[in-house]
């Protein structure tokens, strides 16, 4: 990533290339990774729904997303 605790839209090239319906972001064990509004809006402009939560909670959301999204990509920050 461009910055260790911020999900920048420049970090998303491979995710955009995968053409998902949804992106599930785990923001770290303590939830310290920031997902800025600019990044959320960028994903929405690409018709990608974004969900984010501390990683332990985000993993639990995966099954729920399978009911809403045909193609899901997960990006999980494991520390912090």
PDB file of N, CA and C in Angstrom:
ATOM      1  N   UNK A   1       0.830  -1.182   0.000  1.00  0.00           N
ATOM      2  CA  UNK A   1       0.000   0.000   0.000  1.00  0.00           C
ATOM      3  C   UNK A   1       0.874   1.245   0.000  1.00  0.00           C
ATOM      4  N   UNK A   2       0.291   2.292  -0.483  1.00  0.00           N
ATOM      5  CA  UNK A   2       0.977   3.583  -0.510  1.00  0.00           C
ATOM      6  C   UNK A   2       1.298   4.048   0.909  1.00  0.00           C
ATOM      7  N   UNK A   3       0.362   3.841   1.833  1.00  0.00           N
ATOM      8  CA  UNK A   3       0.532   4.219   3.242  1.00  0.00           C
ATOM      9  C   UNK A   3       0.024   3.048   4.077  1.00  0.00           C
ATOM     10  N   UNK A   4       0.778   2.631   5.065  1.00  0.00           N
ATOM     11  CA  UNK A   4       0.458   1.437   5.834  1.00  0.00           C
ATOM     12  C   UNK A   4      -0.877   1.432   6.541  1.00  0.00           C
ATOM     13  N   UNK A   5      -1.406   2.595   6.888  1.00  0.00           N
ATOM     14  CA  UNK A   5      -2.656   2.643   7.649  1.00  0.00           C
ATOM     15  C   UNK A   5      -3.754   3.432   6.953  1.00  0.00           C
ATOM     16  N   UNK A   6      -3.678   3.471   5.640  1.00  0.00           N
ATOM     17  CA  UNK A   6      -4.682   4.200   4.855  1.00  0.00           C
ATOM     18  C   UNK A   6      -4.859   3.467   3.535  1.00  0.00           C
ATOM     19  N   UNK A   7      -6.082   3.115   3.201  1.00  0.00           N
ATOM     20  CA  UNK A   7      -6.359   2.455   1.930  1.00  0.00           C
ATOM     21  C   UNK A   7      -6.574   3.531   0.877  1.00  0.00           C
ATOM     22  N   UNK A   8      -5.570   3.744   0.066  1.00  0.00           N
ATOM     23  CA  UNK A   8      -5.600   4.772  -0.970  1.00  0.00           C
ATOM     24  C   UNK A   8      -6.146   4.171  -2.263  1.00  0.00           C
ATOM     25  N   UNK A   9      -6.816   4.979  -3.062  1.00  0.00           N
ATOM     26  CA  UNK A   9      -7.364   4.448  -4.311  1.00  0.00           C
ATOM     27  C   UNK A   9      -6.265   3.939  -5.240  1.00  0.00           C
ATOM     28  N   UNK A  10      -5.049   4.450  -5.093  1.00  0.00           N
ATOM     29  CA  UNK A  10      -3.946   3.944  -5.917  1.00  0.00           C
ATOM     30  C   UNK A  10      -3.543   2.521  -5.528  1.00  0.00           C
ATOM     31  N   UNK A  11      -3.996   2.041  -4.375  1.00  0.00           N
ATOM     32  CA  UNK A  11      -3.716   0.678  -3.924  1.00  0.00           C
ATOM     33  C   UNK A  11      -4.658  -0.355  -4.553  1.00  0.00           C
ATOM     34  N   UNK A  12      -5.625   0.086  -5.310  1.00  0.00           N
ATOM     35  CA  UNK A  12      -6.732  -0.777  -5.715  1.00  0.00           C
ATOM     36  C   UNK A  12      -6.658  -1.309  -7.139  1.00  0.00           C
ATOM     37  N   UNK A  13      -5.557  -1.114  -7.850  1.00  0.00           N
ATOM     38  CA  UNK A  13      -5.485  -1.508  -9.258  1.00  0.00           C
ATOM     39  C   UNK A  13      -5.844  -2.983  -9.462  1.00  0.00           C
ATOM     40  N   UNK A  14      -5.229  -3.875  -8.717  1.00  0.00           N
ATOM     41  CA  UNK A  14      -5.511  -5.309  -8.893  1.00  0.00           C
ATOM     42  C   UNK A  14      -6.957  -5.646  -8.530  1.00  0.00           C
ATOM     43  N   UNK A  15      -7.482  -4.937  -7.557  1.00  0.00           N
ATOM     44  CA  UNK A  15      -8.876  -5.166  -7.168  1.00  0.00           C
ATOM     45  C   UNK A  15      -9.810  -4.710  -8.287  1.00  0.00           C
ATOM     46  N   UNK A  16      -9.564  -3.539  -8.837  1.00  0.00           N
ATOM     47  CA  UNK A  16     -10.380  -3.031  -9.952  1.00  0.00           C
ATOM     48  C   UNK A  16     -10.281  -3.978 -11.135  1.00  0.00           C
ATOM     49  N   UNK A  17      -9.069  -4.468 -11.426  1.00  0.00           N
ATOM     50  CA  UNK A  17      -8.867  -5.398 -12.543  1.00  0.00           C
ATOM     51  C   UNK A  17      -9.645  -6.697 -12.360  1.00  0.00           C
ATOM     52  N   UNK A  18      -9.877  -7.110 -11.114  1.00  0.00           N
ATOM     53  CA  UNK A  18     -10.636  -8.337 -10.838  1.00  0.00           C
ATOM     54  C   UNK A  18     -12.135  -8.162 -11.081  1.00  0.00           C
ATOM     55  N   UNK A  19     -12.584  -6.917 -11.218  1.00  0.00           N
ATOM     56  CA  UNK A  19     -13.970  -6.588 -11.530  1.00  0.00           C
ATOM     57  C   UNK A  19     -14.984  -7.190 -10.542  1.00  0.00           C
ATOM     58  N   UNK A  20     -14.775  -6.946  -9.243  1.00  0.00           N
ATOM     59  CA  UNK A  20     -15.724  -7.508  -8.267  1.00  0.00           C
ATOM     60  C   UNK A  20     -16.998  -6.674  -8.163  1.00  0.00           C
ATOM     61  N   UNK A  21     -18.029  -7.275  -7.601  1.00  0.00           N
ATOM     62  CA  UNK A  21     -19.238  -6.532  -7.243  1.00  0.00           C
ATOM     63  C   UNK A  21     -19.053  -5.868  -5.879  1.00  0.00           C
ATOM     64  N   UNK A  22     -18.289  -6.553  -5.010  1.00  0.00           N
ATOM     65  CA  UNK A  22     -18.080  -6.081  -3.643  1.00  0.00           C
ATOM     66  C   UNK A  22     -16.619  -6.214  -3.241  1.00  0.00           C
ATOM     67  N   UNK A  23     -16.186  -5.277  -2.433  1.00  0.00           N
ATOM     68  CA  UNK A  23     -14.872  -5.335  -1.805  1.00  0.00           C
ATOM     69  C   UNK A  23     -15.081  -5.360  -0.302  1.00  0.00           C
ATOM     70  N   UNK A  24     -14.543  -6.376   0.329  1.00  0.00           N
ATOM     71  CA  UNK A  24     -14.590  -6.503   1.777  1.00  0.00           C
ATOM     72  C   UNK A  24     -13.207  -6.152   2.306  1.00  0.00           C
ATOM     73  N   UNK A  25     -13.123  -5.116   3.140  1.00  0.00           N
ATOM     74  CA  UNK A  25     -11.845  -4.654   3.671  1.00  0.00           C
ATOM     75  C   UNK A  25     -11.800  -4.933   5.169  1.00  0.00           C
ATOM     76  N   UNK A  26     -10.772  -5.649   5.581  1.00  0.00           N
ATOM     77  CA  UNK A  26     -10.492  -5.825   6.996  1.00  0.00           C
ATOM     78  C   UNK A  26      -9.500  -4.755   7.406  1.00  0.00           C
ATOM     79  N   UNK A  27      -9.843  -3.951   8.373  1.00  0.00           N
ATOM     80  CA  UNK A  27      -9.037  -2.778   8.731  1.00  0.00           C
ATOM     81  C   UNK A  27      -8.015  -3.051   9.829  1.00  0.00           C
ATOM     82  N   UNK A  28      -7.710  -4.328  10.055  1.00  0.00           N
ATOM     83  CA  UNK A  28      -6.709  -4.692  11.050  1.00  0.00           C
ATOM     84  C   UNK A  28      -7.344  -5.198  12.329  1.00  0.00           C
ATOM     85  N   UNK A  29      -6.537  -5.832  13.148  1.00  0.00           N
ATOM     86  CA  UNK A  29      -7.018  -6.411  14.395  1.00  0.00           C
ATOM     87  C   UNK A  29      -7.703  -5.360  15.270  1.00  0.00           C
ATOM     88  N   UNK A  30      -7.102  -4.173  15.342  1.00  0.00           N
ATOM     89  CA  UNK A  30      -7.661  -3.091  16.151  1.00  0.00           C
ATOM     90  C   UNK A  30      -8.440  -2.072  15.312  1.00  0.00           C
ATOM     91  N   UNK A  31      -8.584  -2.333  14.020  1.00  0.00           N
ATOM     92  CA  UNK A  31      -9.343  -1.440  13.146  1.00  0.00           C
ATOM     93  C   UNK A  31      -8.646  -0.127  12.845  1.00  0.00           C
ATOM     94  N   UNK A  32      -7.322  -0.127  12.846  1.00  0.00           N
ATOM     95  CA  UNK A  32      -6.587   1.127  12.708  1.00  0.00           C
ATOM     96  C   UNK A  32      -6.357   1.577  11.269  1.00  0.00           C
ATOM     97  N   UNK A  33      -6.596   0.713  10.288  1.00  0.00           N
ATOM     98  CA  UNK A  33      -6.427   1.151   8.906  1.00  0.00           C
ATOM     99  C   UNK A  33      -7.631   1.990   8.504  1.00  0.00           C
ATOM    100  N   UNK A  34      -7.378   3.131   7.939  1.00  0.00           N
ATOM    101  CA  UNK A  34      -8.412   4.082   7.543  1.00  0.00           C
ATOM    102  C   UNK A  34      -8.839   3.825   6.099  1.00  0.00           C
ATOM    103  N   UNK A  35     -10.133   3.886   5.846  1.00  0.00           N
ATOM    104  CA  UNK A  35     -10.675   3.843   4.488  1.00  0.00           C
ATOM    105  C   UNK A  35     -11.290   5.218   4.231  1.00  0.00           C
ATOM    106  N   UNK A  36     -10.535   6.109   3.563  1.00  0.00           N
ATOM    107  CA  UNK A  36     -11.012   7.482   3.372  1.00  0.00           C
ATOM    108  C   UNK A  36     -12.238   7.570   2.455  1.00  0.00           C
ATOM    109  N   UNK A  37     -13.008   8.611   2.646  1.00  0.00           N
ATOM    110  CA  UNK A  37     -14.191   8.859   1.821  1.00  0.00           C
ATOM    111  C   UNK A  37     -13.824   8.888   0.340  1.00  0.00           C
ATOM    112  N   UNK A  38     -12.699   9.451   0.003  1.00  0.00           N
ATOM    113  CA  UNK A  38     -12.229   9.514  -1.393  1.00  0.00           C
ATOM    114  C   UNK A  38     -12.114   8.101  -1.987  1.00  0.00           C
ATOM    115  N   UNK A  39     -11.621   7.163  -1.219  1.00  0.00           N
ATOM    116  CA  UNK A  39     -11.483   5.785  -1.686  1.00  0.00           C
ATOM    117  C   UNK A  39     -12.853   5.131  -1.835  1.00  0.00           C
ATOM    118  N   UNK A  40     -13.729   5.366  -0.892  1.00  0.00           N
ATOM    119  CA  UNK A  40     -15.089   4.824  -0.969  1.00  0.00           C
ATOM    120  C   UNK A  40     -15.799   5.349  -2.215  1.00  0.00           C
ATOM    121  N   UNK A  41     -15.701   6.640  -2.453  1.00  0.00           N
ATOM    122  CA  UNK A  41     -16.348   7.245  -3.618  1.00  0.00           C
ATOM    123  C   UNK A  41     -15.755   6.721  -4.925  1.00  0.00           C
ATOM    124  N   UNK A  42     -14.470   6.501  -4.943  1.00  0.00           N
ATOM    125  CA  UNK A  42     -13.816   5.948  -6.131  1.00  0.00           C
ATOM    126  C   UNK A  42     -14.375   4.560  -6.439  1.00  0.00           C
ATOM    127  N   UNK A  43     -14.471   3.719  -5.418  1.00  0.00           N
ATOM    128  CA  UNK A  43     -15.017   2.376  -5.620  1.00  0.00           C
ATOM    129  C   UNK A  43     -16.471   2.437  -6.069  1.00  0.00           C
ATOM    130  N   UNK A  44     -17.245   3.306  -5.475  1.00  0.00           N
ATOM    131  CA  UNK A  44     -18.645   3.453  -5.871  1.00  0.00           C
ATOM    132  C   UNK A  44     -18.759   3.905  -7.326  1.00  0.00           C
ATOM    133  N   UNK A  45     -17.841   4.750  -7.775  1.00  0.00           N
ATOM    134  CA  UNK A  45     -17.862   5.197  -9.171  1.00  0.00           C
ATOM    135  C   UNK A  45     -17.566   4.049 -10.133  1.00  0.00           C
ATOM    136  N   UNK A  46     -16.939   2.992  -9.622  1.00  0.00           N
ATOM    137  CA  UNK A  46     -16.649   1.786 -10.409  1.00  0.00           C
ATOM    138  C   UNK A  46     -17.721   0.707 -10.181  1.00  0.00           C
ATOM    139  N   UNK A  47     -18.812   1.096  -9.522  1.00  0.00           N
ATOM    140  CA  UNK A  47     -19.919   0.176  -9.199  1.00  0.00           C
ATOM    141  C   UNK A  47     -19.469  -0.996  -8.332  1.00  0.00           C
ATOM    142  N   UNK A  48     -18.570  -0.713  -7.394  1.00  0.00           N
ATOM    143  CA  UNK A  48     -18.111  -1.716  -6.446  1.00  0.00           C
ATOM    144  C   UNK A  48     -18.601  -1.312  -5.065  1.00  0.00           C
ATOM    145  N   UNK A  49     -19.394  -2.181  -4.464  1.00  0.00           N
ATOM    146  CA  UNK A  49     -19.865  -1.952  -3.097  1.00  0.00           C
ATOM    147  C   UNK A  49     -18.707  -2.251  -2.153  1.00  0.00           C
ATOM    148  N   UNK A  50     -18.486  -1.391  -1.170  1.00  0.00           N
ATOM    149  CA  UNK A  50     -17.418  -1.617  -0.205  1.00  0.00           C
ATOM    150  C   UNK A  50     -18.013  -1.808   1.186  1.00  0.00           C
ATOM    151  N   UNK A  51     -17.497  -2.795   1.871  1.00  0.00           N
ATOM    152  CA  UNK A  51     -17.817  -3.044   3.271  1.00  0.00           C
ATOM    153  C   UNK A  51     -16.487  -3.101   4.002  1.00  0.00           C
ATOM    154  N   UNK A  52     -16.414  -2.501   5.179  1.00  0.00           N
ATOM    155  CA  UNK A  52     -15.168  -2.574   5.936  1.00  0.00           C
ATOM    156  C   UNK A  52     -15.452  -2.598   7.423  1.00  0.00           C
ATOM    157  N   UNK A  53     -14.554  -3.271   8.125  1.00  0.00           N
ATOM    158  CA  UNK A  53     -14.678  -3.449   9.572  1.00  0.00           C
ATOM    159  C   UNK A  53     -13.340  -3.981  10.067  1.00  0.00           C
ATOM    160  N   UNK A  54     -13.113  -3.962  11.382  1.00  0.00           N
ATOM    161  CA  UNK A  54     -11.916  -4.636  11.890  1.00  0.00           C
ATOM    162  C   UNK A  54     -11.866  -6.058  11.308  1.00  0.00           C
ATOM    163  N   UNK A  55     -10.676  -6.532  11.022  1.00  0.00           N
ATOM    164  CA  UNK A  55     -10.517  -7.780  10.277  1.00  0.00           C
ATOM    165  C   UNK A  55     -11.287  -8.945  10.890  1.00  0.00           C
ATOM    166  N   UNK A  56     -11.269  -9.087  12.190  1.00  0.00           N
ATOM    167  CA  UNK A  56     -11.988 -10.208  12.811  1.00  0.00           C
ATOM    168  C   UNK A  56     -13.489 -10.143  12.505  1.00  0.00           C
ATOM    169  N   UNK A  57     -14.048  -8.956  12.434  1.00  0.00           N
ATOM    170  CA  UNK A  57     -15.466  -8.786  12.108  1.00  0.00           C
ATOM    171  C   UNK A  57     -15.710  -8.923  10.599  1.00  0.00           C
ATOM    172  N   UNK A  58     -14.779  -8.411   9.798  1.00  0.00           N
ATOM    173  CA  UNK A  58     -14.924  -8.465   8.342  1.00  0.00           C
ATOM    174  C   UNK A  58     -14.973  -9.911   7.858  1.00  0.00           C
ATOM    175  N   UNK A  59     -14.149 -10.762   8.444  1.00  0.00           N
ATOM    176  CA  UNK A  59     -14.153 -12.167   8.056  1.00  0.00           C
ATOM    177  C   UNK A  59     -15.535 -12.775   8.308  1.00  0.00           C
ATOM    178  N   UNK A  60     -16.160 -12.390   9.389  1.00  0.00           N
ATOM    179  CA  UNK A  60     -17.495 -12.871   9.690  1.00  0.00           C
ATOM    180  C   UNK A  60     -18.556 -12.357   8.726  1.00  0.00           C
ATOM    181  N   UNK A  61     -18.287 -11.227   8.067  1.00  0.00           N
ATOM    182  CA  UNK A  61     -19.247 -10.644   7.126  1.00  0.00           C
ATOM    183  C   UNK A  61     -19.203 -11.309   5.754  1.00  0.00           C
ATOM    184  N   UNK A  62     -18.168 -12.091   5.492  1.00  0.00           N
ATOM    185  CA  UNK A  62     -18.006 -12.681   4.166  1.00  0.00           C
ATOM    186  C   UNK A  62     -19.214 -13.513   3.751  1.00  0.00           C
ATOM    187  N   UNK A  63     -19.703 -14.364   4.620  1.00  0.00           N
ATOM    188  CA  UNK A  63     -20.862 -15.201   4.275  1.00  0.00           C
ATOM    189  C   UNK A  63     -22.090 -14.358   3.963  1.00  0.00           C
ATOM    190  N   UNK A  64     -22.283 -13.267   4.703  1.00  0.00           N
ATOM    191  CA  UNK A  64     -23.426 -12.387   4.447  1.00  0.00           C
ATOM    192  C   UNK A  64     -23.310 -11.732   3.075  1.00  0.00           C
ATOM    193  N   UNK A  65     -22.107 -11.345   2.696  1.00  0.00           N
ATOM    194  CA  UNK A  65     -21.902 -10.700   1.396  1.00  0.00           C
ATOM    195  C   UNK A  65     -22.175 -11.653   0.241  1.00  0.00           C
ATOM    196  N   UNK A  66     -21.973 -12.928   0.454  1.00  0.00           N
ATOM    197  CA  UNK A  66     -22.206 -13.890  -0.620  1.00  0.00           C
ATOM    198  C   UNK A  66     -23.662 -13.897  -1.053  1.00  0.00           C
ATOM    199  N   UNK A  67     -24.552 -13.452  -0.191  1.00  0.00           N
ATOM    200  CA  UNK A  67     -25.968 -13.357  -0.551  1.00  0.00           C
ATOM    201  C   UNK A  67     -26.258 -12.118  -1.388  1.00  0.00           C
ATOM    202  N   UNK A  68     -25.366 -11.119  -1.346  1.00  0.00           N
ATOM    203  CA  UNK A  68     -25.594  -9.853  -2.057  1.00  0.00           C
ATOM    204  C   UNK A  68     -24.728  -9.694  -3.302  1.00  0.00           C
ATOM    205  N   UNK A  69     -23.582 -10.368  -3.330  1.00  0.00           N
ATOM    206  CA  UNK A  69     -22.592 -10.112  -4.375  1.00  0.00           C
ATOM    207  C   UNK A  69     -22.159 -11.409  -5.046  1.00  0.00           C
ATOM    208  N   UNK A  70     -22.112 -11.396  -6.363  1.00  0.00           N
ATOM    209  CA  UNK A  70     -21.664 -12.579  -7.099  1.00  0.00           C
ATOM    210  C   UNK A  70     -20.140 -12.713  -7.052  1.00  0.00           C
ATOM    211  N   UNK A  71     -19.450 -11.580  -7.144  1.00  0.00           N
ATOM    212  CA  UNK A  71     -17.971 -11.597  -7.143  1.00  0.00           C
ATOM    213  C   UNK A  71     -17.477 -10.718  -6.002  1.00  0.00           C
ATOM    214  N   UNK A  72     -16.763 -11.329  -5.072  1.00  0.00           N
ATOM    215  CA  UNK A  72     -16.269 -10.626  -3.886  1.00  0.00           C
ATOM    216  C   UNK A  72     -14.749 -10.716  -3.848  1.00  0.00           C
ATOM    217  N   UNK A  73     -14.124  -9.588  -3.527  1.00  0.00           N
ATOM    218  CA  UNK A  73     -12.691  -9.559  -3.245  1.00  0.00           C
ATOM    219  C   UNK A  73     -12.543  -9.116  -1.797  1.00  0.00           C
ATOM    220  N   UNK A  74     -11.650  -9.793  -1.072  1.00  0.00           N
ATOM    221  CA  UNK A  74     -11.362  -9.405   0.306  1.00  0.00           C
ATOM    222  C   UNK A  74      -9.928  -8.895   0.370  1.00  0.00           C
ATOM    223  N   UNK A  75      -9.749  -7.763   1.043  1.00  0.00           N
ATOM    224  CA  UNK A  75      -8.431  -7.187   1.300  1.00  0.00           C
ATOM    225  C   UNK A  75      -8.339  -7.046   2.812  1.00  0.00           C
ATOM    226  N   UNK A  76      -7.500  -7.868   3.437  1.00  0.00           N
ATOM    227  CA  UNK A  76      -7.482  -7.952   4.881  1.00  0.00           C
ATOM    228  C   UNK A  76      -6.156  -7.465   5.448  1.00  0.00           C
ATOM    229  N   UNK A  77      -6.209  -6.374   6.196  1.00  0.00           N
ATOM    230  CA  UNK A  77      -5.053  -5.876   6.949  1.00  0.00           C
ATOM    231  C   UNK A  77      -5.009  -6.714   8.225  1.00  0.00           C
ATOM    232  N   UNK A  78      -3.898  -7.381   8.467  1.00  0.00           N
ATOM    233  CA  UNK A  78      -3.872  -8.355   9.539  1.00  0.00           C
ATOM    234  C   UNK A  78      -3.387  -7.806  10.874  1.00  0.00           C
ATOM    235  N   UNK A  79      -2.620  -6.750  10.858  1.00  0.00           N
ATOM    236  CA  UNK A  79      -2.083  -6.214  12.108  1.00  0.00           C
ATOM    237  C   UNK A  79      -2.760  -4.897  12.452  1.00  0.00           C
ATOM    238  N   UNK A  80      -2.385  -4.326  13.533  1.00  0.00           N
ATOM    239  CA  UNK A  80      -2.861  -2.995  13.953  1.00  0.00           C
ATOM    240  C   UNK A  80      -4.328  -2.972  14.259  1.00  0.00           C
TER     241      UNK A  80
END
